[in-house]
N, C-alpha and C. Protein backbone atom coordinates (compact mmCIF):
# COMPACT_ATOMS: atom_id res chain seq x y z
N MET A 1 142.74 107.45 178.40
CA MET A 1 144.42 108.44 178.78
C MET A 1 143.74 109.66 178.22
N ASN A 2 143.44 111.04 178.63
CA ASN A 2 143.08 111.76 178.38
C ASN A 2 144.33 113.06 177.49
N PHE A 3 143.84 113.36 176.57
CA PHE A 3 144.72 114.43 175.62
C PHE A 3 145.85 115.14 176.37
N ARG A 4 145.73 115.54 177.74
CA ARG A 4 147.05 116.05 178.15
C ARG A 4 147.90 115.64 178.43
N GLU A 5 147.58 113.77 179.07
CA GLU A 5 148.83 113.23 178.95
C GLU A 5 149.20 112.47 178.16
N MET A 6 148.77 112.69 177.18
CA MET A 6 148.78 111.69 175.83
C MET A 6 149.84 112.57 175.33
N ILE A 7 149.89 114.36 175.42
CA ILE A 7 150.84 114.93 174.70
C ILE A 7 151.82 115.14 175.70
N ALA A 8 151.50 114.80 176.88
CA ALA A 8 153.35 115.16 177.95
C ALA A 8 153.75 114.05 177.96
N ARG A 9 153.14 112.99 177.62
CA ARG A 9 154.01 111.28 177.79
C ARG A 9 154.66 111.67 176.48
N ARG A 10 154.08 112.39 175.26
CA ARG A 10 155.25 112.01 174.06
C ARG A 10 156.06 113.14 174.05
N ALA A 11 155.53 114.37 174.64
CA ALA A 11 156.94 115.43 174.72
C ALA A 11 157.89 115.35 175.39
N ALA A 12 157.80 113.82 176.50
CA ALA A 12 158.53 113.68 177.41
C ALA A 12 159.82 112.89 176.38
N LEU A 13 159.34 112.22 175.26
CA LEU A 13 160.52 111.61 174.76
C LEU A 13 161.32 112.42 173.75
N GLU A 14 161.06 113.69 173.88
CA GLU A 14 161.94 114.89 172.88
C GLU A 14 162.90 115.15 173.66
N LEU A 15 163.19 114.68 175.05
CA LEU A 15 164.04 115.33 176.14
C LEU A 15 165.54 114.25 176.15
N ASN A 16 166.36 114.81 176.23
CA ASN A 16 167.92 114.01 175.95
C ASN A 16 168.68 113.71 177.26
N ASP A 17 169.20 113.08 177.65
CA ASP A 17 169.81 112.89 178.58
C ASP A 17 170.92 114.12 179.12
N GLY A 18 171.01 114.64 180.34
CA GLY A 18 172.06 115.67 180.52
C GLY A 18 171.25 117.25 179.78
N GLU A 19 170.30 117.36 179.57
CA GLU A 19 169.81 118.49 178.79
C GLU A 19 169.18 119.58 180.13
N VAL A 20 169.17 120.64 179.80
CA VAL A 20 168.72 121.64 180.62
C VAL A 20 167.01 121.77 179.85
N VAL A 21 166.18 121.99 180.61
CA VAL A 21 165.04 121.85 180.11
C VAL A 21 163.94 122.77 180.74
N ASN A 22 163.01 123.63 179.99
CA ASN A 22 162.40 124.79 180.51
C ASN A 22 161.50 124.12 179.98
N LEU A 23 160.11 124.13 181.13
CA LEU A 23 158.75 123.85 181.06
C LEU A 23 157.54 124.92 181.19
N GLY A 24 156.57 125.21 180.14
CA GLY A 24 156.02 126.15 180.18
C GLY A 24 154.83 125.77 181.28
N PHE A 25 153.73 126.46 181.30
CA PHE A 25 152.36 126.16 181.95
C PHE A 25 151.69 125.94 181.02
N GLY A 26 150.63 124.99 181.69
CA GLY A 26 149.57 124.31 180.83
C GLY A 26 150.06 123.05 180.75
N ILE A 27 149.69 122.38 179.66
CA ILE A 27 150.01 120.76 179.63
C ILE A 27 151.46 120.37 179.84
N PRO A 28 152.51 121.52 179.53
CA PRO A 28 154.02 120.73 179.78
C PRO A 28 154.35 121.09 181.09
N THR A 29 153.42 121.07 182.13
CA THR A 29 153.81 120.92 183.63
C THR A 29 153.68 119.14 183.88
N ALA A 30 152.86 118.85 182.89
CA ALA A 30 152.54 117.27 183.37
C ALA A 30 154.10 116.52 182.68
N VAL A 31 154.70 117.10 182.07
CA VAL A 31 156.33 116.38 181.59
C VAL A 31 156.77 115.49 182.28
N PRO A 32 157.15 116.20 183.49
CA PRO A 32 158.42 115.56 184.87
C PRO A 32 157.89 114.48 185.02
N ASN A 33 156.41 113.63 184.88
CA ASN A 33 155.77 112.88 185.64
C ASN A 33 155.93 111.44 184.37
N TYR A 34 156.62 111.78 183.32
CA TYR A 34 156.55 110.82 182.21
C TYR A 34 157.92 110.37 181.45
N ILE A 35 158.89 111.50 181.96
CA ILE A 35 160.47 111.44 181.52
C ILE A 35 160.90 109.82 181.76
N PRO A 36 161.34 109.28 180.26
CA PRO A 36 161.60 107.74 180.35
C PRO A 36 162.70 107.70 181.38
N ASP A 37 162.82 106.53 182.06
CA ASP A 37 163.89 105.61 182.99
C ASP A 37 165.25 105.71 182.10
N GLY A 38 166.22 106.13 182.70
CA GLY A 38 167.44 106.31 182.44
C GLY A 38 167.93 107.77 181.90
N VAL A 39 166.65 108.60 181.21
CA VAL A 39 166.80 110.21 180.91
C VAL A 39 166.69 111.14 182.10
N GLU A 40 168.33 111.47 182.55
CA GLU A 40 168.29 112.60 183.36
C GLU A 40 168.45 113.79 183.32
N VAL A 41 167.19 114.75 183.26
CA VAL A 41 167.23 116.39 182.81
C VAL A 41 167.68 117.05 183.87
N ILE A 42 168.02 118.13 183.39
CA ILE A 42 167.86 119.58 184.91
C ILE A 42 166.69 120.43 184.45
N LEU A 43 165.61 120.11 185.07
CA LEU A 43 164.23 121.03 184.47
C LEU A 43 164.46 122.47 185.13
N GLN A 44 164.04 123.26 184.45
CA GLN A 44 163.86 124.52 184.69
C GLN A 44 162.48 125.35 184.73
N THR A 45 161.65 126.33 185.86
CA THR A 45 160.72 126.73 185.62
C THR A 45 161.50 128.41 185.79
N GLU A 46 160.60 129.03 184.82
CA GLU A 46 161.01 130.57 184.53
C GLU A 46 160.74 131.41 185.99
N ASN A 47 159.94 131.16 186.78
CA ASN A 47 159.65 131.67 188.29
C ASN A 47 160.83 131.66 189.12
N GLY A 48 162.00 130.12 188.66
CA GLY A 48 162.82 130.36 189.60
C GLY A 48 163.23 129.40 190.04
N CYS A 49 163.73 128.07 189.51
CA CYS A 49 163.90 126.70 190.23
C CYS A 49 164.34 125.51 188.91
N LEU A 50 165.60 125.24 189.56
CA LEU A 50 166.47 124.27 188.59
C LEU A 50 166.30 122.72 189.26
N LEU A 51 166.40 121.66 188.69
CA LEU A 51 166.53 120.91 188.94
C LEU A 51 164.99 120.30 189.96
N PHE A 52 163.46 120.16 189.12
CA PHE A 52 162.90 119.63 189.98
C PHE A 52 161.92 118.35 189.41
N GLY A 53 161.42 118.05 190.12
CA GLY A 53 161.06 116.17 189.67
C GLY A 53 159.55 116.11 189.28
N PRO A 54 159.04 114.94 189.67
CA PRO A 54 157.29 115.07 189.30
C PRO A 54 156.60 115.57 190.43
N THR A 55 155.75 115.69 190.05
CA THR A 55 154.22 116.22 190.73
C THR A 55 154.65 115.28 191.93
N PRO A 56 154.24 116.17 193.36
CA PRO A 56 154.53 115.41 194.54
C PRO A 56 153.06 114.58 194.94
N GLU A 57 153.29 113.72 195.60
CA GLU A 57 151.71 113.07 196.04
C GLU A 57 150.85 114.08 196.96
N LEU A 58 149.79 113.88 196.98
CA LEU A 58 148.65 114.51 197.43
C LEU A 58 149.16 114.59 199.04
N GLY A 59 149.05 115.66 199.67
CA GLY A 59 149.88 115.73 201.13
C GLY A 59 150.62 116.31 200.84
N GLN A 60 151.63 115.91 200.11
CA GLN A 60 153.70 116.00 200.19
C GLN A 60 153.92 117.29 199.80
N GLN A 61 152.94 118.30 198.90
CA GLN A 61 153.09 119.29 198.28
C GLN A 61 153.88 120.66 199.57
N ASP A 62 154.27 121.41 198.98
CA ASP A 62 155.29 122.34 199.66
C ASP A 62 154.66 123.64 199.00
N ALA A 63 153.63 124.48 199.26
CA ALA A 63 153.11 125.64 199.14
C ALA A 63 154.13 126.78 198.29
N ASP A 64 155.19 126.40 199.04
CA ASP A 64 156.51 127.68 198.42
C ASP A 64 157.07 127.24 197.53
N VAL A 65 156.67 125.86 196.77
CA VAL A 65 157.60 125.30 195.97
C VAL A 65 156.72 124.90 194.55
N GLY A 66 156.49 125.42 193.90
CA GLY A 66 155.64 125.39 192.49
C GLY A 66 156.38 125.85 191.08
N ASN A 67 155.45 125.45 190.19
CA ASN A 67 156.14 125.62 188.63
C ASN A 67 155.55 126.79 188.01
N ALA A 68 155.73 127.34 186.71
CA ALA A 68 155.23 128.23 186.20
C ALA A 68 153.81 128.51 186.02
N GLY A 69 152.95 127.22 186.36
CA GLY A 69 151.39 127.13 186.47
C GLY A 69 151.03 127.51 187.92
N GLY A 70 151.97 127.47 188.92
CA GLY A 70 151.90 127.65 190.25
C GLY A 70 151.13 126.11 191.00
N GLN A 71 151.42 125.19 190.29
CA GLN A 71 151.00 123.62 190.67
C GLN A 71 152.72 123.34 191.52
N PRO A 72 152.25 122.78 192.43
CA PRO A 72 153.11 121.75 193.29
C PRO A 72 154.46 121.11 192.32
N ILE A 73 155.71 120.93 192.83
CA ILE A 73 156.58 120.20 192.40
C ILE A 73 157.73 119.82 193.19
N THR A 74 158.35 118.80 193.23
CA THR A 74 159.05 118.32 193.84
C THR A 74 160.84 118.74 193.62
N LEU A 75 161.36 118.87 194.46
CA LEU A 75 162.49 119.30 194.37
C LEU A 75 163.55 118.13 194.71
N LEU A 76 164.48 118.01 193.68
CA LEU A 76 165.46 116.91 193.50
C LEU A 76 166.76 117.45 194.47
N PRO A 77 167.45 116.34 195.08
CA PRO A 77 168.65 117.01 195.43
C PRO A 77 169.87 117.56 194.79
N GLY A 78 170.23 119.12 195.28
CA GLY A 78 171.16 119.68 194.24
C GLY A 78 170.02 120.57 193.98
N ALA A 79 168.99 120.62 194.22
CA ALA A 79 167.87 121.92 193.19
C ALA A 79 167.87 122.92 194.13
N SER A 80 168.14 124.25 193.04
CA SER A 80 168.46 125.69 193.94
C SER A 80 166.90 126.70 193.13
N ILE A 81 166.72 127.40 194.10
CA ILE A 81 165.67 128.08 193.73
C ILE A 81 165.91 130.02 193.82
N PHE A 82 165.48 130.64 192.90
CA PHE A 82 166.27 132.13 193.28
C PHE A 82 164.87 132.85 192.03
N ASP A 83 165.19 134.48 192.03
CA ASP A 83 164.63 135.02 191.45
C ASP A 83 164.30 135.06 190.11
N SER A 84 163.00 135.83 189.53
CA SER A 84 163.03 135.32 188.15
C SER A 84 163.94 136.21 187.33
N ALA A 85 164.73 137.16 187.75
CA ALA A 85 165.52 137.74 187.30
C ALA A 85 166.88 137.17 186.71
N THR A 86 167.01 136.15 187.72
CA THR A 86 168.52 135.03 187.70
C THR A 86 167.69 134.10 186.72
N SER A 87 166.58 133.83 186.63
CA SER A 87 166.09 132.80 185.92
C SER A 87 165.94 133.19 184.50
N PHE A 88 165.60 134.43 184.11
CA PHE A 88 165.55 135.03 182.81
C PHE A 88 167.15 135.11 182.38
N CYS A 89 167.92 135.48 183.13
CA CYS A 89 169.66 135.40 182.50
C CYS A 89 170.19 133.97 182.24
N ILE A 90 169.37 133.02 182.99
CA ILE A 90 169.42 131.50 182.26
C ILE A 90 169.04 131.55 181.03
N ILE A 91 167.75 131.70 180.61
CA ILE A 91 166.97 131.70 179.41
C ILE A 91 167.71 132.77 178.15
N ARG A 92 167.71 133.87 178.71
CA ARG A 92 168.39 134.58 177.56
C ARG A 92 169.85 134.28 177.59
N GLY A 93 170.42 133.89 178.54
CA GLY A 93 171.81 133.69 177.90
C GLY A 93 172.34 132.17 177.36
N GLY A 94 171.22 131.84 176.93
CA GLY A 94 170.93 130.36 175.75
C GLY A 94 171.78 129.39 176.70
N HIS A 95 171.29 129.01 177.96
CA HIS A 95 171.78 127.88 178.73
C HIS A 95 170.68 126.79 178.74
N VAL A 96 169.41 127.25 178.05
CA VAL A 96 168.58 125.89 177.71
C VAL A 96 168.51 125.11 176.72
N ASP A 97 168.68 124.26 177.01
CA ASP A 97 168.89 123.33 175.53
C ASP A 97 167.41 123.20 174.79
N ALA A 98 166.04 122.75 175.49
CA ALA A 98 165.07 122.90 175.37
C ALA A 98 163.88 123.39 175.82
N THR A 99 162.97 123.58 175.48
CA THR A 99 161.76 124.11 175.98
C THR A 99 160.26 123.58 175.75
N CYS A 100 159.62 123.20 176.37
CA CYS A 100 158.06 122.51 176.02
C CYS A 100 156.90 123.54 176.19
N LEU A 101 156.39 124.34 175.54
CA LEU A 101 155.52 125.29 175.58
C LEU A 101 154.11 124.93 175.28
N GLY A 102 152.95 125.62 175.72
CA GLY A 102 151.71 125.24 175.35
C GLY A 102 151.25 126.20 174.13
N ALA A 103 150.35 125.96 173.36
CA ALA A 103 150.15 126.97 172.51
C ALA A 103 148.69 127.14 172.03
N LEU A 104 148.17 128.25 171.44
CA LEU A 104 146.91 128.41 170.75
C LEU A 104 146.65 128.11 169.72
N GLU A 105 147.59 128.51 168.97
CA GLU A 105 147.81 128.04 167.54
C GLU A 105 149.44 127.93 166.94
N VAL A 106 149.50 127.10 166.39
CA VAL A 106 151.03 126.91 165.37
C VAL A 106 150.73 127.13 163.96
N ASP A 107 151.81 127.37 163.08
CA ASP A 107 151.90 127.19 161.79
C ASP A 107 152.88 126.51 161.00
N GLN A 108 152.59 126.21 159.92
CA GLN A 108 153.71 125.18 158.70
C GLN A 108 154.98 126.47 158.62
N ALA A 109 154.76 127.29 158.99
CA ALA A 109 156.09 128.30 159.16
C ALA A 109 157.09 128.38 160.18
N GLY A 110 156.36 127.49 161.06
CA GLY A 110 156.99 127.23 162.48
C GLY A 110 156.72 128.59 163.42
N ASN A 111 155.44 129.30 163.19
CA ASN A 111 155.67 130.41 164.41
C ASN A 111 154.47 129.58 165.10
N ILE A 112 154.61 130.45 166.56
CA ILE A 112 153.73 129.83 167.48
C ILE A 112 153.22 131.30 168.15
N ALA A 113 151.62 130.85 168.41
CA ALA A 113 151.00 132.16 169.31
C ALA A 113 150.43 131.56 170.27
N ASN A 114 150.93 132.31 171.54
CA ASN A 114 150.30 131.83 172.97
C ASN A 114 149.80 133.04 173.56
N TRP A 115 149.81 134.16 172.88
CA TRP A 115 149.48 135.45 173.47
C TRP A 115 147.75 135.44 174.03
N ALA A 116 147.56 136.27 175.47
CA ALA A 116 146.60 136.46 175.63
C ALA A 116 145.39 136.93 174.75
N ARG A 117 144.27 136.68 174.86
CA ARG A 117 143.08 137.48 174.09
C ARG A 117 141.84 137.36 174.72
N PRO A 118 141.17 138.54 174.62
CA PRO A 118 139.85 138.32 174.94
C PRO A 118 138.70 137.26 175.09
N ILE A 119 137.93 136.44 175.88
CA ILE A 119 137.24 135.47 175.42
C ILE A 119 136.13 136.02 176.04
N ALA A 120 135.84 136.66 176.98
CA ALA A 120 134.52 137.22 177.12
C ALA A 120 134.91 138.63 178.10
N PRO A 121 134.15 139.37 178.53
CA PRO A 121 134.27 140.85 179.16
C PRO A 121 135.07 140.84 180.57
N GLY A 122 136.55 140.90 180.77
CA GLY A 122 136.94 140.87 181.97
C GLY A 122 137.40 139.13 181.85
N ARG A 123 137.64 138.78 180.78
CA ARG A 123 138.22 137.11 181.00
C ARG A 123 138.86 137.07 179.88
N TYR A 124 140.10 136.58 180.11
CA TYR A 124 141.31 136.08 179.05
C TYR A 124 142.06 134.81 179.01
N GLN A 125 142.58 134.40 177.86
CA GLN A 125 143.20 133.06 177.83
C GLN A 125 144.78 133.39 178.31
N PRO A 126 145.48 132.46 178.68
CA PRO A 126 146.97 132.76 179.30
C PRO A 126 147.42 133.49 178.23
N GLY A 127 148.51 134.36 179.04
CA GLY A 127 149.55 134.88 178.16
C GLY A 127 150.52 134.28 177.90
N PRO A 128 151.72 134.88 177.50
CA PRO A 128 152.71 134.07 176.76
C PRO A 128 153.54 133.90 177.75
N GLY A 129 153.64 134.72 178.64
CA GLY A 129 154.72 134.64 180.12
C GLY A 129 156.14 134.80 179.45
N GLY A 130 156.96 134.22 179.87
CA GLY A 130 157.93 133.86 179.28
C GLY A 130 158.48 133.49 177.96
N ALA A 131 157.18 133.08 177.07
CA ALA A 131 157.85 132.32 176.17
C ALA A 131 158.56 133.11 174.92
N MET A 132 158.23 134.27 174.96
CA MET A 132 158.90 135.22 173.84
C MET A 132 160.43 135.01 173.99
N ASP A 133 160.86 135.12 175.29
CA ASP A 133 162.41 134.67 175.83
C ASP A 133 162.77 133.54 175.38
N LEU A 134 162.11 132.48 175.74
CA LEU A 134 162.32 131.07 175.75
C LEU A 134 162.46 130.60 173.80
N VAL A 135 161.71 131.09 173.41
CA VAL A 135 161.94 130.73 171.73
C VAL A 135 162.92 131.14 171.34
N THR A 136 163.00 132.10 171.77
CA THR A 136 164.96 132.69 171.02
C THR A 136 165.84 132.53 171.99
N GLY A 137 165.51 132.10 173.25
CA GLY A 137 166.67 131.73 174.18
C GLY A 137 167.22 130.31 174.14
N ALA A 138 166.01 129.27 174.12
CA ALA A 138 166.30 127.94 173.78
C ALA A 138 166.87 127.39 172.38
N ARG A 139 167.47 126.44 172.67
CA ARG A 139 167.89 125.56 171.15
C ARG A 139 167.00 124.89 170.61
N LYS A 140 166.10 124.35 171.21
CA LYS A 140 164.97 123.30 170.61
C LYS A 140 163.72 123.92 171.39
N VAL A 141 162.78 123.96 170.44
CA VAL A 141 161.28 124.28 171.00
C VAL A 141 160.28 123.71 170.37
N VAL A 142 159.95 122.98 171.28
CA VAL A 142 158.52 122.18 171.06
C VAL A 142 157.26 122.86 171.66
N ALA A 143 156.32 122.44 170.63
CA ALA A 143 154.96 123.24 170.76
C ALA A 143 153.98 122.26 171.32
N MET A 144 153.16 121.86 172.15
CA MET A 144 152.39 121.25 172.66
C MET A 144 150.84 121.76 172.70
N LEU A 145 149.93 121.08 171.70
CA LEU A 145 148.47 121.79 171.85
C LEU A 145 147.21 120.46 171.19
N GLN A 146 146.07 120.46 171.43
CA GLN A 146 145.30 119.93 170.62
C GLN A 146 145.37 120.36 169.13
N HIS A 147 145.14 119.30 168.58
CA HIS A 147 144.83 119.54 167.00
C HIS A 147 143.64 120.37 166.47
N VAL A 148 142.33 120.23 167.05
CA VAL A 148 141.64 120.94 166.69
C VAL A 148 141.32 121.74 168.17
N ASP A 149 140.28 122.80 167.87
CA ASP A 149 139.66 123.80 168.54
C ASP A 149 137.96 123.24 168.91
N LYS A 150 137.66 123.64 169.89
CA LYS A 150 135.91 123.03 170.64
C LYS A 150 135.06 122.97 169.27
N ASN A 151 135.38 123.64 167.98
CA ASN A 151 134.76 123.82 166.99
C ASN A 151 135.11 123.07 165.98
N GLY A 152 136.29 122.38 166.02
CA GLY A 152 136.49 121.29 165.11
C GLY A 152 137.45 121.98 164.27
N ASN A 153 137.77 122.85 164.27
CA ASN A 153 138.80 123.92 163.64
C ASN A 153 140.45 123.51 163.96
N SER A 154 141.04 123.57 163.03
CA SER A 154 142.42 123.03 163.03
C SER A 154 143.07 124.16 163.34
N LYS A 155 144.15 123.68 164.58
CA LYS A 155 145.16 124.77 165.34
C LYS A 155 146.55 124.66 165.13
N VAL A 156 146.65 123.76 163.93
CA VAL A 156 147.68 123.92 163.20
C VAL A 156 147.64 124.47 161.74
N LYS A 157 147.63 125.65 161.36
CA LYS A 157 147.22 126.45 160.59
C LYS A 157 148.54 126.65 159.48
N LYS A 158 147.97 127.30 158.41
CA LYS A 158 148.86 127.84 156.80
C LYS A 158 149.51 128.97 157.82
N CYS A 159 148.82 129.75 158.60
CA CYS A 159 149.12 131.17 158.86
C CYS A 159 148.38 131.27 160.33
N CYS A 160 149.41 131.51 161.22
CA CYS A 160 148.78 132.19 162.61
C CYS A 160 147.58 133.37 162.56
N SER A 161 146.53 132.94 163.38
CA SER A 161 145.67 134.50 163.10
C SER A 161 145.55 135.11 164.26
N LEU A 162 146.50 134.67 165.27
CA LEU A 162 146.64 135.35 166.72
C LEU A 162 148.27 136.10 166.60
N PRO A 163 148.23 137.07 167.54
CA PRO A 163 149.54 137.45 167.65
C PRO A 163 150.70 136.61 168.20
N LEU A 164 152.05 136.54 167.11
CA LEU A 164 152.94 135.66 167.34
C LEU A 164 153.64 136.06 168.37
N THR A 165 154.30 134.74 168.83
CA THR A 165 154.80 134.41 169.95
C THR A 165 156.17 135.03 169.95
N GLY A 166 156.65 133.83 168.59
CA GLY A 166 157.72 133.60 167.72
C GLY A 166 157.51 133.51 166.53
N ALA A 167 158.55 133.72 165.56
CA ALA A 167 158.10 133.53 164.48
C ALA A 167 159.53 132.89 163.78
N SER A 168 159.06 131.63 163.20
CA SER A 168 159.88 130.53 162.44
C SER A 168 160.74 130.05 163.45
N VAL A 169 160.43 129.61 164.72
CA VAL A 169 161.08 129.02 165.97
C VAL A 169 160.89 127.90 166.38
N LEU A 170 159.81 127.26 165.88
CA LEU A 170 159.48 125.75 166.06
C LEU A 170 160.39 124.82 165.37
N ASP A 171 160.33 123.81 166.49
CA ASP A 171 161.36 122.54 165.98
C ASP A 171 160.48 121.14 165.85
N VAL A 172 159.56 121.52 166.82
CA VAL A 172 158.64 120.06 166.69
C VAL A 172 157.44 120.51 167.22
N ILE A 173 156.30 120.12 166.44
CA ILE A 173 154.50 120.15 167.06
C ILE A 173 154.23 118.96 167.44
N ILE A 174 153.53 118.74 168.76
CA ILE A 174 153.12 117.73 169.27
C ILE A 174 151.54 117.86 169.61
N THR A 175 150.72 116.87 168.71
CA THR A 175 149.23 117.49 169.21
C THR A 175 148.93 116.13 169.63
N ASP A 176 147.60 115.70 169.84
CA ASP A 176 146.79 114.48 170.59
C ASP A 176 146.58 113.60 169.27
N LYS A 177 146.94 113.72 167.97
CA LYS A 177 146.66 113.47 166.96
C LYS A 177 147.87 112.92 166.04
N ALA A 178 149.23 113.94 166.20
CA ALA A 178 150.15 113.68 164.88
C ALA A 178 151.35 114.45 165.77
N VAL A 179 152.14 114.17 165.37
CA VAL A 179 153.89 114.86 165.68
C VAL A 179 154.33 115.16 164.35
N PHE A 180 154.75 116.55 164.29
CA PHE A 180 155.28 117.20 162.93
C PHE A 180 156.57 117.30 163.37
N ASP A 181 157.59 117.25 162.80
CA ASP A 181 159.38 118.14 162.52
C ASP A 181 159.03 119.49 161.72
N VAL A 182 159.70 120.33 162.39
CA VAL A 182 159.28 121.89 161.57
C VAL A 182 160.78 122.10 160.64
N THR A 183 160.59 122.13 159.50
CA THR A 183 162.01 121.71 158.80
C THR A 183 162.06 123.20 157.78
N PRO A 184 163.26 123.56 157.24
CA PRO A 184 163.34 124.81 156.29
C PRO A 184 162.21 124.30 155.18
N ASN A 185 161.67 123.33 154.73
CA ASN A 185 161.11 123.28 153.28
C ASN A 185 159.51 122.76 154.23
N GLY A 186 158.94 122.97 155.38
CA GLY A 186 157.92 123.09 155.87
C GLY A 186 157.52 122.28 156.91
N LEU A 187 156.18 121.64 157.01
CA LEU A 187 156.23 120.35 157.82
C LEU A 187 156.11 119.06 157.81
N VAL A 188 156.73 118.12 158.37
CA VAL A 188 157.12 116.81 157.79
C VAL A 188 156.46 116.25 158.73
N LEU A 189 155.08 115.53 158.54
CA LEU A 189 154.52 114.38 159.54
C LEU A 189 155.23 113.47 159.60
N LYS A 190 155.73 113.10 161.22
CA LYS A 190 156.58 111.99 161.59
C LYS A 190 155.65 110.86 162.24
N GLU A 191 154.54 111.06 162.98
CA GLU A 191 153.97 110.06 163.80
C GLU A 191 152.43 110.23 163.81
N ILE A 192 151.33 109.12 163.87
CA ILE A 192 150.06 109.67 163.90
C ILE A 192 149.48 108.34 164.95
N ILE A 193 148.48 109.30 165.43
CA ILE A 193 147.72 108.39 166.62
C ILE A 193 147.09 107.40 165.94
N ALA A 194 147.38 106.07 166.34
CA ALA A 194 146.52 104.60 166.40
C ALA A 194 145.33 105.01 165.77
N GLY A 195 144.97 104.12 164.66
CA GLY A 195 143.69 104.39 164.15
C GLY A 195 143.51 105.44 163.23
N MET A 196 144.08 106.07 162.80
CA MET A 196 144.17 107.25 161.96
C MET A 196 145.49 107.24 160.97
N THR A 197 145.25 107.45 159.75
CA THR A 197 145.80 107.55 158.52
C THR A 197 146.65 108.81 158.45
N ALA A 198 147.64 109.32 157.57
CA ALA A 198 147.64 110.39 156.76
C ALA A 198 146.77 110.88 156.39
N GLU A 199 145.78 110.33 155.76
CA GLU A 199 144.86 111.02 155.00
C GLU A 199 143.77 111.78 156.09
N ASP A 200 143.41 110.98 157.07
CA ASP A 200 142.82 111.14 158.13
C ASP A 200 143.33 112.71 158.95
N ILE A 201 144.74 112.99 158.93
CA ILE A 201 145.52 113.70 159.46
C ILE A 201 145.15 115.56 158.46
N GLU A 202 145.50 114.90 157.19
CA GLU A 202 145.13 115.78 156.27
C GLU A 202 143.80 116.60 156.27
N LYS A 203 142.99 115.87 156.65
CA LYS A 203 141.35 116.31 156.76
C LYS A 203 141.23 117.50 158.13
N ILE A 204 141.80 117.21 158.93
CA ILE A 204 141.75 117.83 160.19
C ILE A 204 142.73 119.13 160.28
N THR A 205 143.50 119.27 159.19
CA THR A 205 144.85 119.91 159.40
C THR A 205 144.71 121.11 158.44
N GLU A 206 144.65 122.53 158.92
CA GLU A 206 144.87 123.46 157.66
C GLU A 206 146.07 123.57 156.92
N ALA A 207 147.30 123.31 157.74
CA ALA A 207 148.25 123.83 157.36
C ALA A 207 148.52 122.48 156.13
N GLU A 208 149.87 122.95 155.39
CA GLU A 208 150.32 121.75 154.42
C GLU A 208 151.44 120.93 155.21
N PHE A 209 151.56 119.73 154.65
CA PHE A 209 152.66 118.99 155.27
C PHE A 209 152.72 118.07 154.24
N THR A 210 154.44 117.38 154.38
CA THR A 210 154.50 115.74 153.61
C THR A 210 154.51 114.86 154.65
N VAL A 211 154.54 113.57 154.20
CA VAL A 211 154.27 112.63 155.15
C VAL A 211 155.88 111.98 155.14
N ALA A 212 156.73 112.00 155.88
CA ALA A 212 158.07 111.13 155.96
C ALA A 212 157.91 109.68 155.89
N PRO A 213 159.02 109.07 154.79
CA PRO A 213 159.18 108.14 154.49
C PRO A 213 158.77 106.85 155.46
N ASP A 214 159.39 107.29 157.20
CA ASP A 214 159.45 106.43 158.02
C ASP A 214 158.34 106.94 159.28
N VAL A 215 157.16 107.46 158.58
CA VAL A 215 156.43 108.21 159.53
C VAL A 215 155.77 106.62 160.30
N CYS A 216 155.28 106.78 161.41
CA CYS A 216 155.03 105.52 162.39
C CYS A 216 154.14 106.02 163.29
N GLU A 217 153.69 105.00 164.04
CA GLU A 217 152.47 105.12 164.90
C GLU A 217 152.65 106.37 166.37
N TYR A 218 152.01 107.25 166.55
CA TYR A 218 152.29 107.88 167.82
C TYR A 218 153.32 107.42 168.86
N ARG A 219 153.89 107.52 169.52
CA ARG A 219 154.51 106.80 170.72
C ARG A 219 154.27 107.70 171.98
N LEU A 220 154.23 106.81 173.01
CA LEU A 220 153.54 107.23 174.33
C LEU A 220 154.73 105.99 174.86
């Protein structure tokens, strides 16, 4: 199982029956494939769709129907498609219960950074898209990202070094190594990937955190 599937599977467990849930581009677009049986949510994509489902089988996709990352989606009975203005009325109007967003960095204050940044002449990392609206409009914000970068540096930081998308907006941080709750008193380690300990997580995490009394193995 690769890290993208692992994080998406775990994020799907954060969704509750009956919620309206927005999924950002990147890793979050895989979440519909892993929603638990018995949990029915109304998935929303910022480019203008409500009530979509898993990724279609190859050959079954419709080029006119896609998610925030331009990937094909399936429409469920009762689905609706509309313009971006209507989509952002839903987001800014407070009608989104939860949002799952990709991130470049997060920190112990609950800040999230997913701004575009130059990585080479004429090349940029993805920008925030609708994330600025989502982190203020959604009632629950879940960040999804790898725990460390390609050089082994922690992406769960004491303080974000990149421009912020939102300040003190996160509720849950899900990486490929751990799950943290974001509380007024800081990060709380709730789950650890099998084969690692809280001490191992501390070694690869720049941010300070406490360990929950009921810390458990990473759920998938």
